[in-house]
Amino acid sequence: MSQQLPDSFHVAMIMDGNGRWAAARGLPRVAGHRAGARTVRRIVEAAPNLGITTLTLYAFSEDNWSRPEREVSALMKLLGRYLMSETDRCVANGVRLVAIGRRDRIPAPLLAMLEEAERKTSKGRRLDLRLAIDYSSRSAILDAARRASSDLTEASLSRHLGPDVDLLLRTSGEQRLSDFLLWECAYAEMVFTERKWPELSIDDLSSAIAEFHRRERRFGAVTPEEARRTA
């Protein structure tokens, strides 16, 4: 790539299309979620080599509780299996895992595993992996505003919410944020792909980062060349 990534590069990903991927193959939806978990492993392992320092994955939204109970239960079990299989790998690879979102509705055994994974990986410095579980951006903003009420500024809200997103990637052709990192994505570059999440490859992520480079990030300003033309 011709341009250099910033020292801190935050990529957020909406992992969409697991169920549709499975349905297209005549498989149950949970098979799509299992395939999606394998994609998570590939992306997490590749992320540091692509210059990503923070990776936020939309694992389970607040709205997902409205799915059939059987599917929700399967997703919770899959999250547990992911933590069991990947925590030691994260430690070995310098990945620090942190969950964002509500914790009071997560099943107690899964919550204990999640907090143990956070503890074990807390010294990781190569990649910050943030899993959004039982997450709603609107709820997170409201909670952050309450906590920062005595000193309510943009900076204080950002401290409570997390780092700004540089690049947002969503799979499966949907082109909306779906209550994900609304504050943090204020200036994010967005890339949407038709690929379902289980199909996403490292080359696809590399292409999205290349697209990030091609875009001119002005943050409301104008380039020096534009300023000269309009002077």
Protein backbone atom coordinates (compact mmCIF):
# COMPACT_ATOMS: atom_id res chain seq x y z
CA MET A 1 0.00 0.00 0.00
CA SER A 2 1.31 3.42 -0.88
CA GLN A 3 -0.01 5.20 2.21
CA GLN A 4 0.95 4.44 5.78
CA LEU A 5 -1.65 3.43 8.33
CA PRO A 6 -2.01 5.62 11.42
CA ASP A 7 -0.25 4.45 14.59
CA SER A 8 -3.67 3.57 16.01
CA PHE A 9 -5.97 1.92 13.48
CA HIS A 10 -9.44 0.86 14.64
CA VAL A 11 -11.48 -1.44 12.40
CA ALA A 12 -15.05 -2.35 13.34
CA MET A 13 -16.91 -5.18 11.64
CA ILE A 14 -20.60 -6.07 11.49
CA MET A 15 -20.59 -9.83 10.96
CA ASP A 16 -23.74 -10.24 8.91
CA GLY A 17 -25.06 -13.12 6.81
CA ASN A 18 -24.30 -16.26 8.81
CA GLY A 19 -27.90 -17.48 8.64
CA ARG A 20 -28.29 -16.65 4.96
CA TRP A 21 -25.01 -18.40 4.18
CA ALA A 22 -26.31 -21.53 5.89
CA ALA A 23 -29.78 -21.34 4.26
CA ALA A 24 -28.23 -21.10 0.80
CA ARG A 25 -26.52 -24.43 1.49
CA GLY A 26 -29.53 -26.13 3.01
CA LEU A 27 -27.96 -26.05 6.48
CA PRO A 28 -29.43 -24.95 9.83
CA ARG A 29 -28.70 -21.39 10.86
CA VAL A 30 -26.40 -22.53 13.67
CA ALA A 31 -24.10 -24.06 11.04
CA GLY A 32 -23.67 -20.57 9.63
CA HIS A 33 -22.76 -19.22 13.05
CA ARG A 34 -20.17 -21.98 13.48
CA ALA A 35 -18.67 -21.12 10.10
CA GLY A 36 -18.71 -17.46 11.14
CA ALA A 37 -16.70 -18.30 14.26
CA ARG A 38 -13.98 -19.77 12.03
CA THR A 39 -13.93 -16.51 10.09
CA VAL A 40 -13.47 -14.62 13.36
CA ARG A 41 -10.36 -16.67 14.09
CA ARG A 42 -8.90 -15.92 10.63
CA ILE A 43 -9.59 -12.21 10.91
CA VAL A 44 -8.22 -11.89 14.45
CA GLU A 45 -5.02 -13.73 13.55
CA ALA A 46 -4.46 -11.61 10.44
CA ALA A 47 -5.43 -8.22 11.89
CA PRO A 48 -2.08 -7.19 13.47
CA ASN A 49 -0.19 -7.99 10.27
CA LEU A 50 -2.58 -5.67 8.41
CA GLY A 51 -1.78 -2.79 10.76
CA ILE A 52 -4.96 -3.08 12.81
CA THR A 53 -4.43 -2.18 16.47
CA THR A 54 -8.07 -2.31 17.61
CA LEU A 55 -10.71 -4.66 16.22
CA THR A 56 -14.34 -4.43 17.34
CA LEU A 57 -16.70 -7.23 16.30
CA TYR A 58 -20.49 -7.08 16.58
CA ALA A 59 -21.06 -10.51 18.10
CA PHE A 60 -24.56 -10.20 19.61
CA SER A 61 -26.80 -7.16 19.57
CA GLU A 62 -29.44 -6.17 22.09
CA ASP A 63 -32.00 -6.80 19.35
CA ASN A 64 -30.77 -10.38 18.89
CA TRP A 65 -32.61 -11.42 22.07
CA SER A 66 -35.77 -11.34 19.95
CA ARG A 67 -34.55 -14.28 17.84
CA PRO A 68 -35.96 -17.75 18.51
CA GLU A 69 -34.87 -19.05 21.92
CA ARG A 70 -33.18 -22.05 20.34
CA GLU A 71 -30.98 -19.85 18.16
CA VAL A 72 -30.12 -17.52 21.06
CA SER A 73 -29.12 -20.52 23.18
CA ALA A 74 -26.97 -21.84 20.35
CA LEU A 75 -25.26 -18.46 19.98
CA MET A 76 -24.49 -18.30 23.70
CA LYS A 77 -23.00 -21.81 23.59
CA LEU A 78 -20.96 -20.88 20.53
CA LEU A 79 -19.58 -17.82 22.31
CA GLY A 80 -18.60 -20.05 25.20
CA ARG A 81 -16.84 -22.50 22.91
CA TYR A 82 -15.04 -19.63 21.22
CA LEU A 83 -13.75 -18.38 24.56
CA MET A 84 -12.62 -21.86 25.58
CA SER A 85 -10.76 -22.49 22.33
CA GLU A 86 -9.34 -19.01 21.68
CA THR A 87 -8.36 -17.51 25.04
CA ASP A 88 -4.98 -19.25 25.25
CA ARG A 89 -4.38 -18.47 21.58
CA CYS A 90 -5.08 -14.81 22.29
CA VAL A 91 -2.59 -14.84 25.18
CA ALA A 92 0.08 -16.41 22.96
CA ASN A 93 -0.53 -13.89 20.18
CA GLY A 94 -0.64 -10.77 22.36
CA VAL A 95 -4.38 -10.18 21.88
CA ARG A 96 -6.25 -8.41 24.67
CA LEU A 97 -9.92 -9.36 24.72
CA VAL A 98 -12.52 -6.99 26.16
CA ALA A 99 -16.32 -7.23 25.99
CA ILE A 100 -18.51 -4.17 25.51
CA GLY A 101 -22.25 -4.11 26.11
CA ARG A 102 -24.51 -5.19 28.96
CA ARG A 103 -23.43 -8.03 31.22
CA ASP A 104 -26.45 -8.52 33.45
CA ARG A 105 -28.36 -10.63 30.90
CA ILE A 106 -25.48 -12.87 29.83
CA PRO A 107 -25.88 -16.39 31.30
CA ALA A 108 -23.77 -16.70 34.46
CA PRO A 109 -21.48 -19.52 33.21
CA LEU A 110 -20.74 -17.62 30.00
CA LEU A 111 -20.14 -14.37 31.90
CA ALA A 112 -17.65 -16.14 34.17
CA MET A 113 -15.79 -17.47 31.10
CA LEU A 114 -15.83 -14.03 29.51
CA GLU A 115 -14.41 -12.30 32.56
CA GLU A 116 -11.76 -15.01 32.93
CA ALA A 117 -10.75 -14.48 29.29
CA GLU A 118 -10.50 -10.73 29.90
CA ARG A 119 -8.29 -11.36 32.94
CA LYS A 120 -6.02 -13.84 31.19
CA THR A 121 -5.51 -11.66 28.10
CA SER A 122 -5.20 -8.33 29.92
CA LYS A 123 -1.47 -8.00 29.17
CA GLY A 124 -1.91 -8.33 25.41
CA ARG A 125 -0.45 -5.39 23.51
CA ARG A 126 -0.46 -6.52 19.87
CA LEU A 127 -4.22 -6.20 19.28
CA ASP A 128 -7.20 -4.97 21.27
CA LEU A 129 -10.09 -7.30 20.42
CA ARG A 130 -13.44 -5.87 21.51
CA LEU A 131 -16.46 -8.18 21.37
CA ALA A 132 -19.79 -6.36 21.37
CA ILE A 133 -22.13 -8.70 23.26
CA ASP A 134 -25.69 -7.73 24.21
CA TYR A 135 -24.71 -4.40 22.72
CA SER A 136 -26.72 -1.34 21.73
CA SER A 137 -24.95 1.87 20.80
CA ARG A 138 -27.90 4.01 21.88
CA SER A 139 -27.89 2.32 25.30
CA ALA A 140 -24.10 2.71 25.53
CA ILE A 141 -24.30 6.43 24.73
CA LEU A 142 -27.04 6.93 27.31
CA ASP A 143 -25.04 5.06 29.94
CA ALA A 144 -21.90 7.04 29.11
CA ALA A 145 -23.83 10.32 29.40
CA ARG A 146 -25.08 9.30 32.85
CA ARG A 147 -21.58 8.39 34.02
CA ALA A 148 -20.12 11.61 32.64
CA SER A 149 -23.00 13.81 33.84
CA SER A 150 -20.82 15.96 36.10
CA ASP A 151 -18.40 16.66 33.24
CA LEU A 152 -20.40 16.09 30.08
CA THR A 153 -18.18 16.88 27.09
CA GLU A 154 -17.34 15.14 23.83
CA ALA A 155 -14.03 14.05 25.33
CA SER A 156 -15.61 12.60 28.47
CA LEU A 157 -18.21 10.69 26.45
CA SER A 158 -15.50 9.30 24.20
CA ARG A 159 -13.51 8.14 27.22
CA HIS A 160 -16.52 6.14 28.42
CA LEU A 161 -17.46 4.78 24.99
CA GLY A 162 -14.12 3.85 23.42
CA PRO A 163 -11.86 4.83 20.53
CA ASP A 164 -13.08 6.36 17.30
CA VAL A 165 -13.48 3.94 14.40
CA ASP A 166 -11.32 4.48 11.32
CA LEU A 167 -12.85 1.80 9.08
CA LEU A 168 -16.22 0.05 9.36
CA LEU A 169 -16.77 -3.10 7.30
CA ARG A 170 -20.18 -4.78 7.01
CA THR A 171 -20.81 -8.02 5.18
CA SER A 172 -23.84 -9.45 3.38
CA GLY A 173 -24.79 -6.34 1.42
CA GLU A 174 -26.58 -4.44 4.19
CA GLN A 175 -25.71 -0.74 4.28
CA ARG A 176 -26.62 0.55 7.71
CA LEU A 177 -25.04 0.76 11.18
CA SER A 178 -27.79 -1.17 13.02
CA ASP A 179 -27.17 0.55 16.37
CA PHE A 180 -23.43 -0.23 16.31
CA LEU A 181 -20.81 2.30 17.50
CA LEU A 182 -22.89 5.30 16.39
CA TRP A 183 -20.75 7.83 18.29
CA GLU A 184 -17.45 6.17 17.48
CA CYS A 185 -18.26 5.95 13.75
CA ALA A 186 -18.83 9.69 13.36
CA TYR A 187 -15.90 9.97 10.91
CA ALA A 188 -15.41 6.33 9.99
CA GLU A 189 -14.89 5.27 6.40
CA MET A 190 -17.48 2.62 5.56
CA VAL A 191 -17.09 -0.34 3.24
CA PHE A 192 -19.95 -2.72 2.44
CA THR A 193 -19.48 -6.06 0.77
CA GLU A 194 -21.97 -8.56 -0.64
CA ARG A 195 -19.98 -11.44 0.84
CA LYS A 196 -21.60 -13.25 3.74
CA TRP A 197 -19.51 -13.24 6.91
CA PRO A 198 -18.44 -16.91 6.66
CA GLU A 199 -17.13 -16.16 3.14
CA LEU A 200 -15.04 -13.14 4.13
CA SER A 201 -11.35 -13.66 3.38
CA ILE A 202 -8.19 -11.90 4.47
CA ASP A 203 -7.92 -10.57 0.91
CA ASP A 204 -11.37 -8.98 1.35
CA LEU A 205 -10.19 -7.23 4.50
CA SER A 206 -6.99 -6.13 2.76
CA SER A 207 -9.09 -4.71 -0.07
CA ALA A 208 -11.22 -2.77 2.40
CA ILE A 209 -8.08 -1.30 3.97
CA ALA A 210 -6.82 -0.38 0.48
CA GLU A 211 -10.15 1.36 -0.13
CA PHE A 212 -9.63 3.25 3.13
CA HIS A 213 -6.32 4.51 1.74
CA ARG A 214 -7.89 5.69 -1.49
CA ARG A 215 -10.36 7.92 0.27
CA GLU A 216 -9.46 11.46 1.21
CA ARG A 217 -10.23 12.05 4.88
CA ARG A 218 -10.84 15.76 5.37
CA PHE A 219 -12.84 15.84 8.62
CA GLY A 220 -14.81 18.85 7.35
CA ALA A 221 -11.77 20.77 6.11
CA VAL A 222 -10.48 21.34 2.58
CA THR A 223 -7.18 20.26 1.08
CA PRO A 224 -4.43 22.88 0.49
CA GLU A 225 -5.00 22.48 -3.26
CA GLU A 226 -8.72 23.22 -2.90
CA ALA A 227 -7.93 26.20 -0.69
CA ARG A 228 -5.63 27.63 -3.36
CA ARG A 229 -8.24 27.14 -6.09
CA THR A 230 -10.94 28.96 -4.14
CA ALA A 231 -8.74 31.73 -2.73
